[in-house]
Protein backbone atom coordinates (compact mmCIF):
# COMPACT_ATOMS: atom_id res chain seq x y z
CA MET A 1 -46.06 27.68 -69.38
CA PRO A 2 -43.85 27.06 -72.41
CA ILE A 3 -45.09 24.41 -74.82
CA GLN A 4 -41.83 22.45 -74.51
CA LYS A 5 -42.33 22.07 -70.74
CA LEU A 6 -45.91 20.98 -71.33
CA LYS A 7 -44.79 18.30 -73.79
CA GLU A 8 -42.39 16.91 -71.18
CA MET A 9 -45.14 16.24 -68.62
CA PRO A 10 -46.06 12.57 -68.10
CA ALA A 11 -49.63 13.05 -69.31
CA PHE A 12 -48.38 13.93 -72.78
CA GLN A 13 -45.88 11.09 -73.11
CA ALA A 14 -46.49 8.07 -75.34
CA ASP A 15 -47.26 5.72 -72.41
CA ALA A 16 -50.15 7.87 -71.11
CA PRO A 17 -53.62 6.56 -71.94
CA GLN A 18 -55.85 8.64 -74.20
CA HIS A 19 -58.38 8.92 -71.35
CA ILE A 20 -55.90 11.05 -69.38
CA ARG A 21 -55.50 13.55 -72.20
CA LEU A 22 -59.26 13.67 -72.75
CA ALA A 23 -59.93 14.23 -69.03
CA ILE A 24 -57.29 16.97 -68.85
CA GLY A 25 -58.73 18.61 -71.96
CA LEU A 26 -62.23 18.57 -70.46
CA LEU A 27 -60.94 19.98 -67.18
CA CYS A 28 -59.16 22.78 -69.07
CA VAL A 29 -62.37 23.67 -70.92
CA VAL A 30 -64.26 23.68 -67.61
CA TRP A 31 -61.57 25.91 -66.10
CA LEU A 32 -61.91 28.35 -69.01
CA VAL A 33 -65.69 28.43 -68.58
CA GLU A 34 -65.21 29.12 -64.86
CA CYS A 35 -62.80 31.97 -65.73
CA PHE A 36 -65.42 33.41 -68.07
CA MET A 37 -68.10 33.18 -65.37
CA PHE A 38 -65.75 34.79 -62.83
CA ALA A 39 -65.07 37.69 -65.21
CA LYS A 40 -68.79 38.03 -65.93
CA PHE A 41 -69.56 38.09 -62.19
CA VAL A 42 -66.95 40.76 -61.53
CA ASP A 43 -68.20 42.81 -64.49
CA ILE A 44 -71.80 42.66 -63.26
CA ALA A 45 -70.78 43.39 -59.68
CA MET A 46 -68.76 46.42 -60.73
CA GLY A 47 -71.95 48.01 -62.07
CA VAL A 48 -73.71 47.62 -58.73
CA PRO A 49 -72.86 50.22 -56.09
CA LEU A 50 -71.39 48.62 -52.99
CA THR A 51 -72.82 49.52 -49.63
CA PRO A 52 -70.82 49.05 -46.44
CA LYS A 53 -72.83 45.86 -45.79
CA THR A 54 -72.13 44.29 -49.18
CA HIS A 55 -68.55 45.54 -49.59
CA ASP A 56 -66.90 42.86 -47.44
CA GLY A 57 -69.12 40.09 -48.79
CA PHE A 58 -68.32 41.02 -52.37
CA PHE A 59 -64.57 40.91 -51.80
CA LEU A 60 -64.84 37.65 -49.86
CA LEU A 61 -66.77 36.09 -52.73
CA VAL A 62 -64.25 37.37 -55.30
CA PHE A 63 -61.42 35.96 -53.16
CA LEU A 64 -63.13 32.56 -52.86
CA LEU A 65 -63.83 32.36 -56.58
CA ALA A 66 -60.24 33.33 -57.41
CA PHE A 67 -58.99 30.70 -54.94
CA TRP A 68 -61.22 28.11 -56.62
CA LEU A 69 -59.74 28.94 -60.04
CA VAL A 70 -56.17 28.72 -58.72
CA LEU A 71 -56.94 25.42 -56.97
CA ASN A 72 -58.40 23.91 -60.14
CA ALA A 73 -55.43 25.10 -62.21
CA CYS A 74 -53.06 23.48 -59.70
CA LEU A 75 -55.04 20.24 -59.85
CA ILE A 76 -54.89 20.19 -63.65
CA VAL A 77 -51.12 20.67 -63.57
CA GLY A 78 -50.87 17.98 -60.87
CA LEU A 79 -52.82 15.56 -63.04
CA CYS A 80 -50.50 16.31 -65.96
CA GLN A 81 -47.59 15.44 -63.68
CA ARG A 82 -49.16 12.12 -62.61
CA GLN A 83 -49.79 13.13 -59.01
CA ARG A 84 -52.16 10.76 -57.26
CA LEU A 85 -53.13 13.38 -54.69
CA ALA A 86 -54.43 15.66 -57.47
CA ARG A 87 -56.57 12.80 -58.78
CA TRP A 88 -58.11 12.12 -55.38
CA LEU A 89 -58.65 15.80 -54.63
CA GLU A 90 -60.41 16.16 -57.97
CA LEU A 91 -62.73 13.31 -57.00
CA LEU A 92 -63.38 14.82 -53.57
CA LEU A 93 -64.14 18.26 -55.00
CA THR A 94 -66.43 16.77 -57.64
CA VAL A 95 -68.40 14.78 -55.04
CA VAL A 96 -68.67 17.76 -52.67
CA THR A 97 -69.76 20.17 -55.41
CA THR A 98 -72.25 17.60 -56.73
CA ILE A 99 -73.85 17.27 -53.31
CA PHE A 100 -73.88 21.05 -52.89
CA CYS A 101 -75.34 21.74 -56.34
CA LEU A 102 -78.03 19.09 -56.01
CA SER A 103 -79.10 20.48 -52.64
CA VAL A 104 -79.11 24.14 -53.70
CA SER A 105 -80.03 24.40 -57.36
CA PRO A 106 -83.20 23.45 -59.20
CA PRO A 107 -83.22 20.53 -61.66
CA LEU A 108 -80.82 20.73 -64.59
CA ARG A 109 -81.62 23.30 -67.26
CA LEU A 110 -78.32 22.67 -69.10
CA SER A 111 -77.06 26.22 -68.85
CA LEU A 112 -73.39 26.94 -69.52
CA TYR A 113 -72.53 26.40 -65.85
CA GLU A 114 -74.38 23.09 -65.62
CA THR A 115 -72.86 21.85 -68.88
CA ALA A 116 -69.40 22.68 -67.51
CA PHE A 117 -70.30 20.89 -64.28
CA LEU A 118 -71.30 17.75 -66.22
CA ALA A 119 -68.06 17.94 -68.23
CA ASN A 120 -66.12 18.15 -64.96
CA ALA A 121 -67.94 15.08 -63.64
CA ALA A 122 -67.25 13.19 -66.88
CA ALA A 123 -63.55 14.11 -66.69
CA THR A 124 -63.41 12.86 -63.10
CA VAL A 125 -64.98 9.55 -64.13
CA LEU A 126 -62.41 9.22 -66.92
CA LEU A 127 -59.60 9.67 -64.38
CA PHE A 128 -60.79 6.59 -62.50
CA LEU A 129 -61.20 4.21 -65.44
CA GLY A 130 -58.94 1.15 -65.56
CA PRO A 131 -56.20 2.42 -67.90
CA CYS A 132 -55.91 5.69 -65.99
CA THR A 133 -55.80 3.93 -62.63
CA HIS A 134 -52.94 1.72 -63.88
CA TRP A 135 -51.15 4.77 -65.30
CA PHE A 136 -51.33 6.62 -61.99
CA ARG A 137 -50.10 3.54 -60.07
CA ARG A 138 -47.09 2.88 -62.33
CA VAL A 139 -43.77 4.28 -61.23
CA PRO A 140 -42.70 6.99 -63.72
CA THR A 141 -39.57 6.17 -65.71
C-alpha cells in the first residue's frame, strides 16, 4: 500500500486519538510476529517428511494459519478506515483466542508468542477506551 494512501486513512488524520495509532501499531507488530511464526512453522514442517496421514493435515493447518494472517491484516486495515465491524471482530477474536489459549496452554512463560498475545489484548483494550469509542462513533467528515 502506498504511503500516500495510508496517510489518507482516518486513523492517521489529526482528529484521530493517539490510542488508535498505538493500538494499530501494536496490532501490526503482532501481525509481523505471527508472520514470523508462520514462516518458522513452514520451515520446520518442510524438514519433516510427510506421510499420507499427515499430508492433508499439514496443508489444512497451513491454510488456516494463512487465513488467520489475511483476516488480521484485513481487520487492521478496517480499523485504519474507522470501521466499527473491524473493532468488534477484533474484540470477538481476542476473547475467543483468550479462552482457547487459557484452556489449552500452560501458565504464561512469556515466550514470543505469549508476548505477542498480550500485546494483541492490550491493543484491543485500547480500541475500547473512551476517546477511541467516541472516534468510532463520530461520522467521518
